[in-house]
Amino acid sequence: MGTIANNGQATLSISSILAQPPAPVGGTYTRITSPGGSCGATPFNLGALASCTVWIRFTPTAAVTSSGIFRITPSPGVAENFTLTGTGTQPLISPTVAALSFPNVQVGNPSLPAAQIVSNTGTAQLAFVAPLPNSAGALSGANPGDFVVTGCAAAVNAGSNCTLNVTFTPIALGARSATLTVNSTATNGPLVISLSGTGVALPEPVVTPPGTKRLDVDCDHVTTGLQAVRHMDGVKSATVFGQSMRLLVNENLPEKAIENRLGEVGIAHAEIRPILPSLEDVFVSLTKSGGEKS
């Protein structure tokens, strides 16, 4: 805003007021007349010892300092030139291209979040525009549903940054990918982030661990026998199964040692035979595997 003052004792006639750059570099200067200032449209008269205001708008076209001319022409009289100076600012996003690659992740399980820092290296505030980076609409490509993005919703001041956190939850086996596009007011945007990862199968449950074997022990007084053998060295687990016992033992545990232990508690005869895992054994292993995974 500028002020035009008539310090004389007679009316001053103003034929024109112009605001313009000396060359079209860096921006333009324009006088605002509606609304804007009290001088009004030219030509107009300014009474003795009176003053009025003029509004000038600077519209930068580049992040540089630009000079212009504010010219007032009285009638009669010689035009007066005044220098205008303005500096354009702009937000700049960094980086403009990035990639996040996830390690192998089991299907249906979320990965640890991977972080991507987004910086504003410009001279003006950077604002994110729809679709916001933390919305599903910002994801595209082959498998956008496998990735979830959080963070970077608020505006970022010049010289500051925010953090995008991306989680990968594969919904199928194999290579999975998507593209995250971060739209903003940055003049060098958008930021494009390539996302990739591989979905892998859940591990097979180990029903009979290496170095062990499963035995079925048919004997009288099963409950007494169970209490006798379950704490023996080399016995991993012991359960009652109908009228017999099911044991998981070390491969090098002799069956004779089990017979001897049963004999110590009055069980004279026991039939011991190797067996394959039962459905119950598979279920227990799957349950344990699920518990360890979580």
C-alpha atoms as a PDB file:
ATOM      1  CA  MET A   1       0.000   0.000   0.000  1.00  0.00           C
ATOM      2  CA  GLY A   2       1.236   3.478  -0.864  1.00  0.00           C
ATOM      3  CA  THR A   3       0.077   6.974   0.063  1.00  0.00           C
ATOM      4  CA  ILE A   4      -0.275   9.937  -2.277  1.00  0.00           C
ATOM      5  CA  ALA A   5      -0.247  13.288  -0.467  1.00  0.00           C
ATOM      6  CA  ASN A   6      -0.960  16.765  -1.794  1.00  0.00           C
ATOM      7  CA  ASN A   7       1.141  19.112   0.311  1.00  0.00           C
ATOM      8  CA  GLY A   8       0.198  22.147  -1.718  1.00  0.00           C
ATOM      9  CA  GLN A   9      -2.533  24.736  -1.341  1.00  0.00           C
ATOM     10  CA  ALA A  10      -4.237  23.928  -4.669  1.00  0.00           C
ATOM     11  CA  THR A  11      -6.093  20.904  -5.961  1.00  0.00           C
ATOM     12  CA  LEU A  12      -3.881  18.213  -7.496  1.00  0.00           C
ATOM     13  CA  SER A  13      -5.178  16.372 -10.547  1.00  0.00           C
ATOM     14  CA  ILE A  14      -3.943  12.799 -11.064  1.00  0.00           C
ATOM     15  CA  SER A  15      -4.359  11.521 -14.621  1.00  0.00           C
ATOM     16  CA  SER A  16      -2.936   8.032 -14.169  1.00  0.00           C
ATOM     17  CA  ILE A  17      -1.448   5.597 -11.652  1.00  0.00           C
ATOM     18  CA  LEU A  18       0.410   2.617 -13.005  1.00  0.00           C
ATOM     19  CA  ALA A  19       2.216  -0.291 -11.362  1.00  0.00           C
ATOM     20  CA  GLN A  20       4.343  -2.412 -13.621  1.00  0.00           C
ATOM     21  CA  PRO A  21       7.653  -4.283 -13.700  1.00  0.00           C
ATOM     22  CA  PRO A  22      10.409  -2.856 -15.874  1.00  0.00           C
ATOM     23  CA  ALA A  23      10.775  -6.341 -17.410  1.00  0.00           C
ATOM     24  CA  PRO A  24       8.607  -9.489 -17.216  1.00  0.00           C
ATOM     25  CA  VAL A  25      10.959 -11.355 -14.844  1.00  0.00           C
ATOM     26  CA  GLY A  26       9.969 -12.693 -11.445  1.00  0.00           C
ATOM     27  CA  GLY A  27       6.430 -11.374 -11.203  1.00  0.00           C
ATOM     28  CA  THR A  28       3.888  -8.663 -11.989  1.00  0.00           C
ATOM     29  CA  TYR A  29       2.625  -5.605 -10.125  1.00  0.00           C
ATOM     30  CA  THR A  30      -1.004  -4.547 -10.450  1.00  0.00           C
ATOM     31  CA  ARG A  31      -2.960  -1.702  -8.914  1.00  0.00           C
ATOM     32  CA  ILE A  32      -6.088  -2.869  -7.053  1.00  0.00           C
ATOM     33  CA  THR A  33      -9.026  -0.471  -7.297  1.00  0.00           C
ATOM     34  CA  SER A  34     -11.996  -2.507  -6.095  1.00  0.00           C
ATOM     35  CA  PRO A  35     -11.638  -2.830  -3.220  1.00  0.00           C
ATOM     36  CA  GLY A  36      -8.301  -1.214  -2.659  1.00  0.00           C
ATOM     37  CA  GLY A  37      -7.199   2.096  -1.314  1.00  0.00           C
ATOM     38  CA  SER A  38      -8.997   5.401  -1.109  1.00  0.00           C
ATOM     39  CA  CYS A  39      -7.606   7.142  -4.188  1.00  0.00           C
ATOM     40  CA  GLY A  40     -10.233   5.795  -6.538  1.00  0.00           C
ATOM     41  CA  ALA A  41     -10.018   5.307 -10.295  1.00  0.00           C
ATOM     42  CA  THR A  42      -8.055   7.758 -12.405  1.00  0.00           C
ATOM     43  CA  PRO A  43      -8.408  10.501 -13.330  1.00  0.00           C
ATOM     44  CA  PHE A  44      -9.303  12.049  -9.950  1.00  0.00           C
ATOM     45  CA  ASN A  45      -8.620  15.246  -7.999  1.00  0.00           C
ATOM     46  CA  LEU A  46      -6.855  15.426  -4.632  1.00  0.00           C
ATOM     47  CA  GLY A  47      -7.661  18.501  -2.565  1.00  0.00           C
ATOM     48  CA  ALA A  48      -5.134  20.754  -0.883  1.00  0.00           C
ATOM     49  CA  LEU A  49      -3.318  19.085   2.038  1.00  0.00           C
ATOM     50  CA  ALA A  50      -5.279  15.880   1.384  1.00  0.00           C
ATOM     51  CA  SER A  51      -4.016  12.334   0.855  1.00  0.00           C
ATOM     52  CA  CYS A  52      -5.258   8.973  -0.305  1.00  0.00           C
ATOM     53  CA  THR A  53      -3.958   5.389  -0.416  1.00  0.00           C
ATOM     54  CA  VAL A  54      -3.166   3.084  -3.296  1.00  0.00           C
ATOM     55  CA  TRP A  55      -3.014  -0.716  -3.101  1.00  0.00           C
ATOM     56  CA  ILE A  56      -0.519  -2.628  -5.236  1.00  0.00           C
ATOM     57  CA  ARG A  57      -0.628  -6.402  -5.683  1.00  0.00           C
ATOM     58  CA  PHE A  58       2.573  -8.359  -6.359  1.00  0.00           C
ATOM     59  CA  THR A  59       2.063 -11.687  -8.125  1.00  0.00           C
ATOM     60  CA  PRO A  60       5.359 -13.609  -8.226  1.00  0.00           C
ATOM     61  CA  THR A  61       6.054 -16.012 -11.056  1.00  0.00           C
ATOM     62  CA  ALA A  62       9.348 -17.333  -9.666  1.00  0.00           C
ATOM     63  CA  ALA A  63      11.140 -17.613  -6.346  1.00  0.00           C
ATOM     64  CA  VAL A  64      13.330 -14.581  -7.005  1.00  0.00           C
ATOM     65  CA  THR A  65      13.394 -10.911  -6.047  1.00  0.00           C
ATOM     66  CA  SER A  66      11.637  -8.755  -8.631  1.00  0.00           C
ATOM     67  CA  SER A  67      11.588  -4.975  -9.004  1.00  0.00           C
ATOM     68  CA  GLY A  68       8.838  -2.890 -10.517  1.00  0.00           C
ATOM     69  CA  ILE A  69       7.743   0.727 -11.056  1.00  0.00           C
ATOM     70  CA  PHE A  70       4.937   2.632  -9.355  1.00  0.00           C
ATOM     71  CA  ARG A  71       4.247   5.653 -11.648  1.00  0.00           C
ATOM     72  CA  ILE A  72       2.050   8.601 -10.744  1.00  0.00           C
ATOM     73  CA  THR A  73       1.231  11.136 -13.484  1.00  0.00           C
ATOM     74  CA  PRO A  74      -0.257  14.491 -12.454  1.00  0.00           C
ATOM     75  CA  SER A  75      -2.035  16.787 -14.866  1.00  0.00           C
ATOM     76  CA  PRO A  76      -0.368  19.021 -15.666  1.00  0.00           C
ATOM     77  CA  GLY A  77       3.029  17.826 -14.574  1.00  0.00           C
ATOM     78  CA  VAL A  78       5.768  15.229 -15.007  1.00  0.00           C
ATOM     79  CA  ALA A  79       5.322  11.583 -14.045  1.00  0.00           C
ATOM     80  CA  GLU A  80       6.970  10.441 -10.807  1.00  0.00           C
ATOM     81  CA  ASN A  81       8.438   6.924 -10.637  1.00  0.00           C
ATOM     82  CA  PHE A  82       8.827   4.917  -7.423  1.00  0.00           C
ATOM     83  CA  THR A  83      10.580   1.563  -7.122  1.00  0.00           C
ATOM     84  CA  LEU A  84       8.648  -1.556  -6.100  1.00  0.00           C
ATOM     85  CA  THR A  85      10.419  -4.650  -4.767  1.00  0.00           C
ATOM     86  CA  GLY A  86       8.972  -8.086  -4.048  1.00  0.00           C
ATOM     87  CA  THR A  87      10.297 -11.588  -3.493  1.00  0.00           C
ATOM     88  CA  GLY A  88       8.471 -14.716  -4.607  1.00  0.00           C
ATOM     89  CA  THR A  89       8.401 -17.765  -2.342  1.00  0.00           C
ATOM     90  CA  GLN A  90       7.498 -21.359  -3.141  1.00  0.00           C
ATOM     91  CA  PRO A  91       7.264 -24.721  -1.380  1.00  0.00           C
ATOM     92  CA  LEU A  92       9.558 -27.479  -2.663  1.00  0.00           C
ATOM     93  CA  ILE A  93       9.117 -31.151  -1.778  1.00  0.00           C
ATOM     94  CA  SER A  94      12.074 -33.469  -1.242  1.00  0.00           C
ATOM     95  CA  PRO A  95      12.620 -36.102  -2.380  1.00  0.00           C
ATOM     96  CA  THR A  96      10.531 -36.195  -5.553  1.00  0.00           C
ATOM     97  CA  VAL A  97      11.176 -39.906  -6.199  1.00  0.00           C
ATOM     98  CA  ALA A  98      11.674 -42.589  -3.541  1.00  0.00           C
ATOM     99  CA  ALA A  99      11.269 -46.319  -2.962  1.00  0.00           C
ATOM    100  CA  LEU A 100      10.431 -48.446   0.071  1.00  0.00           C
ATOM    101  CA  SER A 101      11.197 -52.165  -0.145  1.00  0.00           C
ATOM    102  CA  PHE A 102       9.931 -54.522   2.549  1.00  0.00           C
ATOM    103  CA  PRO A 103      11.485 -57.843   3.590  1.00  0.00           C
ATOM    104  CA  ASN A 104       9.512 -61.066   3.142  1.00  0.00           C
ATOM    105  CA  VAL A 105       6.297 -60.925   5.183  1.00  0.00           C
ATOM    106  CA  GLN A 106       3.930 -63.797   5.966  1.00  0.00           C
ATOM    107  CA  VAL A 107       0.572 -63.508   4.198  1.00  0.00           C
ATOM    108  CA  GLY A 108      -1.991 -61.806   6.411  1.00  0.00           C
ATOM    109  CA  ASN A 109       0.567 -60.426   8.860  1.00  0.00           C
ATOM    110  CA  PRO A 110       1.562 -56.726   8.986  1.00  0.00           C
ATOM    111  CA  SER A 111       5.184 -55.704   8.630  1.00  0.00           C
ATOM    112  CA  LEU A 112       6.955 -53.228  10.838  1.00  0.00           C
ATOM    113  CA  PRO A 113       6.312 -49.689   9.555  1.00  0.00           C
ATOM    114  CA  ALA A 114       8.837 -48.282   7.086  1.00  0.00           C
ATOM    115  CA  ALA A 115       9.450 -44.528   7.321  1.00  0.00           C
ATOM    116  CA  GLN A 116       9.867 -41.993   4.522  1.00  0.00           C
ATOM    117  CA  ILE A 117      10.785 -38.455   5.556  1.00  0.00           C
ATOM    118  CA  VAL A 118       9.177 -35.717   3.439  1.00  0.00           C
ATOM    119  CA  SER A 119      10.924 -32.335   3.594  1.00  0.00           C
ATOM    120  CA  ASN A 120       9.921 -28.847   2.506  1.00  0.00           C
ATOM    121  CA  THR A 121      13.130 -27.357   1.118  1.00  0.00           C
ATOM    122  CA  GLY A 122      11.381 -24.296  -0.284  1.00  0.00           C
ATOM    123  CA  THR A 123      10.626 -20.860   1.128  1.00  0.00           C
ATOM    124  CA  ALA A 124       6.865 -21.115   1.621  1.00  0.00           C
ATOM    125  CA  GLN A 125       4.543 -23.424   3.525  1.00  0.00           C
ATOM    126  CA  LEU A 126       3.791 -26.751   1.823  1.00  0.00           C
ATOM    127  CA  ALA A 127       0.249 -28.112   2.024  1.00  0.00           C
ATOM    128  CA  PHE A 128      -0.897 -31.594   1.012  1.00  0.00           C
ATOM    129  CA  VAL A 129      -3.867 -31.798  -1.344  1.00  0.00           C
ATOM    130  CA  ALA A 130      -6.410 -34.525  -2.017  1.00  0.00           C
ATOM    131  CA  PRO A 131      -6.063 -37.378  -2.138  1.00  0.00           C
ATOM    132  CA  LEU A 132      -4.020 -36.934   1.046  1.00  0.00           C
ATOM    133  CA  PRO A 133      -0.976 -39.216   1.371  1.00  0.00           C
ATOM    134  CA  ASN A 134      -2.511 -41.060   4.333  1.00  0.00           C
ATOM    135  CA  SER A 135      -5.647 -41.982   2.382  1.00  0.00           C
ATOM    136  CA  ALA A 136      -6.289 -45.054   0.248  1.00  0.00           C
ATOM    137  CA  GLY A 137      -6.814 -42.806  -2.768  1.00  0.00           C
ATOM    138  CA  ALA A 138      -3.118 -41.910  -2.812  1.00  0.00           C
ATOM    139  CA  LEU A 139      -2.193 -45.544  -3.558  1.00  0.00           C
ATOM    140  CA  SER A 140      -2.267 -47.038  -7.039  1.00  0.00           C
ATOM    141  CA  GLY A 141      -0.599 -49.813  -8.997  1.00  0.00           C
ATOM    142  CA  ALA A 142      -0.876 -53.583  -8.863  1.00  0.00           C
ATOM    143  CA  ASN A 143      -1.599 -54.191  -5.159  1.00  0.00           C
ATOM    144  CA  PRO A 144      -2.593 -50.958  -3.376  1.00  0.00           C
ATOM    145  CA  GLY A 145      -4.675 -52.869  -0.830  1.00  0.00           C
ATOM    146  CA  ASP A 146      -1.530 -54.472   0.630  1.00  0.00           C
ATOM    147  CA  PHE A 147      -0.182 -51.145   1.936  1.00  0.00           C
ATOM    148  CA  VAL A 148      -1.406 -48.683   4.577  1.00  0.00           C
ATOM    149  CA  VAL A 149       0.038 -45.174   4.960  1.00  0.00           C
ATOM    150  CA  THR A 150      -0.109 -42.863   7.985  1.00  0.00           C
ATOM    151  CA  GLY A 151       1.354 -39.426   8.716  1.00  0.00           C
ATOM    152  CA  CYS A 152       1.930 -36.196   6.754  1.00  0.00           C
ATOM    153  CA  ALA A 153      -1.582 -34.756   6.874  1.00  0.00           C
ATOM    154  CA  ALA A 154      -0.856 -31.270   8.212  1.00  0.00           C
ATOM    155  CA  ALA A 155       0.934 -28.496   6.329  1.00  0.00           C
ATOM    156  CA  VAL A 156       4.750 -28.378   6.549  1.00  0.00           C
ATOM    157  CA  ASN A 157       6.503 -25.069   7.102  1.00  0.00           C
ATOM    158  CA  ALA A 158       9.528 -24.060   5.047  1.00  0.00           C
ATOM    159  CA  GLY A 159      12.611 -25.888   6.300  1.00  0.00           C
ATOM    160  CA  SER A 160      10.576 -28.502   8.201  1.00  0.00           C
ATOM    161  CA  ASN A 161       9.546 -32.091   7.465  1.00  0.00           C
ATOM    162  CA  CYS A 162       7.049 -34.805   8.283  1.00  0.00           C
ATOM    163  CA  THR A 163       7.222 -38.595   8.256  1.00  0.00           C
ATOM    164  CA  LEU A 164       5.163 -41.051   6.238  1.00  0.00           C
ATOM    165  CA  ASN A 165       4.884 -44.521   7.805  1.00  0.00           C
ATOM    166  CA  VAL A 166       3.998 -47.381   5.469  1.00  0.00           C
ATOM    167  CA  THR A 167       2.906 -50.848   6.620  1.00  0.00           C
ATOM    168  CA  PHE A 168       2.899 -53.865   4.289  1.00  0.00           C
ATOM    169  CA  THR A 169       0.323 -56.628   4.861  1.00  0.00           C
ATOM    170  CA  PRO A 170       0.405 -59.021   1.884  1.00  0.00           C
ATOM    171  CA  ILE A 171      -2.907 -60.638   1.032  1.00  0.00           C
ATOM    172  CA  ALA A 172      -1.373 -63.175  -1.379  1.00  0.00           C
ATOM    173  CA  LEU A 173       1.878 -64.994  -2.053  1.00  0.00           C
ATOM    174  CA  GLY A 174       4.614 -63.564  -4.261  1.00  0.00           C
ATOM    175  CA  ALA A 175       5.825 -60.138  -5.284  1.00  0.00           C
ATOM    176  CA  ARG A 176       3.476 -57.272  -4.347  1.00  0.00           C
ATOM    177  CA  SER A 177       3.772 -53.631  -5.334  1.00  0.00           C
ATOM    178  CA  ALA A 178       2.035 -50.265  -5.352  1.00  0.00           C
ATOM    179  CA  THR A 179       2.757 -46.592  -5.948  1.00  0.00           C
ATOM    180  CA  LEU A 180       2.183 -43.848  -3.386  1.00  0.00           C
ATOM    181  CA  THR A 181       1.647 -40.416  -4.935  1.00  0.00           C
ATOM    182  CA  VAL A 182       2.011 -37.464  -2.571  1.00  0.00           C
ATOM    183  CA  ASN A 183       0.189 -34.466  -4.022  1.00  0.00           C
ATOM    184  CA  SER A 184       0.943 -31.036  -2.584  1.00  0.00           C
ATOM    185  CA  THR A 185       1.305 -27.361  -3.369  1.00  0.00           C
ATOM    186  CA  ALA A 186       5.029 -27.886  -4.067  1.00  0.00           C
ATOM    187  CA  THR A 187       5.990 -26.498  -7.446  1.00  0.00           C
ATOM    188  CA  ASN A 188       8.278 -29.485  -8.096  1.00  0.00           C
ATOM    189  CA  GLY A 189       5.772 -32.189  -7.029  1.00  0.00           C
ATOM    190  CA  PRO A 190       4.311 -34.654  -6.817  1.00  0.00           C
ATOM    191  CA  LEU A 191       6.441 -37.019  -4.735  1.00  0.00           C
ATOM    192  CA  VAL A 192       6.177 -40.563  -6.138  1.00  0.00           C
ATOM    193  CA  ILE A 193       7.159 -43.466  -3.854  1.00  0.00           C
ATOM    194  CA  SER A 194       7.461 -47.014  -5.202  1.00  0.00           C
ATOM    195  CA  LEU A 195       6.389 -49.672  -2.680  1.00  0.00           C
ATOM    196  CA  SER A 196       7.333 -53.337  -2.951  1.00  0.00           C
ATOM    197  CA  GLY A 197       7.421 -56.489  -0.866  1.00  0.00           C
ATOM    198  CA  THR A 198       6.952 -60.235  -1.052  1.00  0.00           C
ATOM    199  CA  GLY A 199       4.238 -62.293   0.621  1.00  0.00           C
ATOM    200  CA  VAL A 200       5.410 -65.672   1.892  1.00  0.00           C
ATOM    201  CA  ALA A 201       3.563 -68.669   3.318  1.00  0.00           C
ATOM    202  CA  LEU A 202       3.197 -69.376   6.996  1.00  0.00           C
ATOM    203  CA  PRO A 203       5.794 -71.908   8.209  1.00  0.00           C
ATOM    204  CA  GLU A 204       4.693 -75.520   8.369  1.00  0.00           C
ATOM    205  CA  PRO A 205       4.097 -76.597  11.965  1.00  0.00           C
ATOM    206  CA  VAL A 206       6.689 -78.998  13.325  1.00  0.00           C
ATOM    207  CA  VAL A 207       4.483 -81.824  14.647  1.00  0.00           C
ATOM    208  CA  THR A 208       7.349 -84.149  15.537  1.00  0.00           C
ATOM    209  CA  PRO A 209      10.507 -82.092  16.149  1.00  0.00           C
ATOM    210  CA  PRO A 210      13.808 -83.412  14.789  1.00  0.00           C
ATOM    211  CA  GLY A 211      15.522 -85.834  17.175  1.00  0.00           C
ATOM    212  CA  THR A 212      12.270 -87.021  18.737  1.00  0.00           C
ATOM    213  CA  LYS A 213       9.768 -89.840  18.265  1.00  0.00           C
ATOM    214  CA  ARG A 214       6.180 -90.543  19.260  1.00  0.00           C
ATOM    215  CA  LEU A 215       5.197 -93.654  21.208  1.00  0.00           C
ATOM    216  CA  ASP A 216       1.924 -95.244  22.182  1.00  0.00           C
ATOM    217  CA  VAL A 217       2.090 -97.024  25.561  1.00  0.00           C
ATOM    218  CA  ASP A 218      -0.739 -99.478  26.298  1.00  0.00           C
ATOM    219  CA  CYS A 219      -0.757-100.518  29.950  1.00  0.00           C
ATOM    220  CA  ASP A 220      -2.926-100.958  33.039  1.00  0.00           C
ATOM    221  CA  HIS A 221      -3.378 -98.074  35.423  1.00  0.00           C
ATOM    222  CA  VAL A 222      -2.753 -95.455  32.752  1.00  0.00           C
ATOM    223  CA  THR A 223      -3.032 -92.506  35.114  1.00  0.00           C
ATOM    224  CA  THR A 224      -0.447 -93.977  37.482  1.00  0.00           C
ATOM    225  CA  GLY A 225       1.829 -94.731  34.561  1.00  0.00           C
ATOM    226  CA  LEU A 226       1.457 -91.198  33.214  1.00  0.00           C
ATOM    227  CA  GLN A 227       2.596 -89.692  36.512  1.00  0.00           C
ATOM    228  CA  ALA A 228       5.563 -92.068  36.555  1.00  0.00           C
ATOM    229  CA  VAL A 229       6.951 -91.359  33.068  1.00  0.00           C
ATOM    230  CA  ARG A 230       6.080 -87.732  32.433  1.00  0.00           C
ATOM    231  CA  HIS A 231       9.084 -86.459  34.437  1.00  0.00           C
ATOM    232  CA  MET A 232      11.625 -88.908  33.060  1.00  0.00           C
ATOM    233  CA  ASP A 233      14.693 -87.503  31.356  1.00  0.00           C
ATOM    234  CA  GLY A 234      14.064 -87.541  27.620  1.00  0.00           C
ATOM    235  CA  VAL A 235      10.252 -87.349  27.849  1.00  0.00           C
ATOM    236  CA  LYS A 236       9.056 -84.163  26.144  1.00  0.00           C
ATOM    237  CA  SER A 237       5.316 -84.614  26.679  1.00  0.00           C
ATOM    238  CA  ALA A 238       2.943 -87.270  27.974  1.00  0.00           C
ATOM    239  CA  THR A 239      -0.838 -87.372  27.645  1.00  0.00           C
ATOM    240  CA  VAL A 240      -3.607 -89.925  28.212  1.00  0.00           C
ATOM    241  CA  PHE A 241      -5.206 -91.123  25.000  1.00  0.00           C
ATOM    242  CA  GLY A 242      -8.140 -93.426  25.715  1.00  0.00           C
ATOM    243  CA  GLN A 243      -6.740 -96.482  27.508  1.00  0.00           C
ATOM    244  CA  SER A 244      -3.130 -95.720  26.611  1.00  0.00           C
ATOM    245  CA  MET A 245      -0.494 -93.002  26.856  1.00  0.00           C
ATOM    246  CA  ARG A 246       0.920 -90.911  24.043  1.00  0.00           C
ATOM    247  CA  LEU A 247       4.546 -89.886  24.558  1.00  0.00           C
ATOM    248  CA  LEU A 248       6.872 -87.525  22.686  1.00  0.00           C
ATOM    249  CA  VAL A 249      10.404 -88.577  23.637  1.00  0.00           C
ATOM    250  CA  ASN A 250      14.006 -88.178  22.534  1.00  0.00           C
ATOM    251  CA  GLU A 251      15.000 -90.576  19.783  1.00  0.00           C
ATOM    252  CA  ASN A 252      17.735 -92.055  21.961  1.00  0.00           C
ATOM    253  CA  LEU A 253      15.432 -92.871  24.895  1.00  0.00           C
ATOM    254  CA  PRO A 254      15.218 -96.723  25.056  1.00  0.00           C
ATOM    255  CA  GLU A 255      11.755 -98.201  25.313  1.00  0.00           C
ATOM    256  CA  LYS A 256      13.192-100.516  27.980  1.00  0.00           C
ATOM    257  CA  ALA A 257      13.775 -97.477  30.180  1.00  0.00           C
ATOM    258  CA  ILE A 258      10.068 -96.667  29.992  1.00  0.00           C
ATOM    259  CA  GLU A 259       9.146-100.269  30.825  1.00  0.00           C
ATOM    260  CA  ASN A 260      11.487-100.217  33.830  1.00  0.00           C
ATOM    261  CA  ARG A 261       9.980 -96.955  35.108  1.00  0.00           C
ATOM    262  CA  LEU A 262       6.469 -98.382  34.831  1.00  0.00           C
ATOM    263  CA  GLY A 263       7.616-101.503  36.663  1.00  0.00           C
ATOM    264  CA  GLU A 264       8.805 -99.345  39.548  1.00  0.00           C
ATOM    265  CA  VAL A 265       5.207 -98.209  40.145  1.00  0.00           C
ATOM    266  CA  GLY A 266       3.732-101.729  39.893  1.00  0.00           C
ATOM    267  CA  ILE A 267       2.842-101.856  36.190  1.00  0.00           C
ATOM    268  CA  ALA A 268       4.282-105.211  35.146  1.00  0.00           C
ATOM    269  CA  HIS A 269       3.325-105.228  31.480  1.00  0.00           C
ATOM    270  CA  ALA A 270       3.264-102.450  28.873  1.00  0.00           C
ATOM    271  CA  GLU A 271       3.028-102.610  25.113  1.00  0.00           C
ATOM    272  CA  ILE A 272       5.075 -99.812  23.507  1.00  0.00           C
ATOM    273  CA  ARG A 273       4.984 -99.032  19.794  1.00  0.00           C
ATOM    274  CA  PRO A 274       6.030 -96.121  17.565  1.00  0.00           C
ATOM    275  CA  ILE A 275       3.179 -94.096  16.036  1.00  0.00           C
ATOM    276  CA  LEU A 276       2.622 -91.243  13.596  1.00  0.00           C
ATOM    277  CA  PRO A 277       1.233 -87.897  14.815  1.00  0.00           C
ATOM    278  CA  SER A 278      -2.514 -87.862  15.419  1.00  0.00           C
ATOM    279  CA  LEU A 279      -4.892 -85.102  14.345  1.00  0.00           C
ATOM    280  CA  GLU A 280      -4.817 -83.922  17.936  1.00  0.00           C
ATOM    281  CA  ASP A 281      -1.010 -83.639  17.761  1.00  0.00           C
ATOM    282  CA  VAL A 282      -1.295 -81.583  14.559  1.00  0.00           C
ATOM    283  CA  PHE A 283      -3.871 -79.284  16.173  1.00  0.00           C
ATOM    284  CA  VAL A 284      -1.685 -78.733  19.245  1.00  0.00           C
ATOM    285  CA  SER A 285       1.313 -77.938  17.028  1.00  0.00           C
ATOM    286  CA  LEU A 286      -0.693 -75.446  14.971  1.00  0.00           C
ATOM    287  CA  THR A 287      -1.916 -73.780  18.170  1.00  0.00           C
ATOM    288  CA  LYS A 288       1.605 -73.467  19.509  1.00  0.00           C
ATOM    289  CA  SER A 289       2.839 -72.145  16.167  1.00  0.00           C
ATOM    290  CA  GLY A 290       0.140 -69.477  16.185  1.00  0.00           C
ATOM    291  CA  GLY A 291       1.047 -68.467  19.722  1.00  0.00           C
ATOM    292  CA  GLU A 292       4.737 -68.149  18.913  1.00  0.00           C
ATOM    293  CA  LYS A 293       3.950 -66.064  15.792  1.00  0.00           C
ATOM    294  CA  SER A 294       1.954 -63.514  17.724  1.00  0.00           C
END
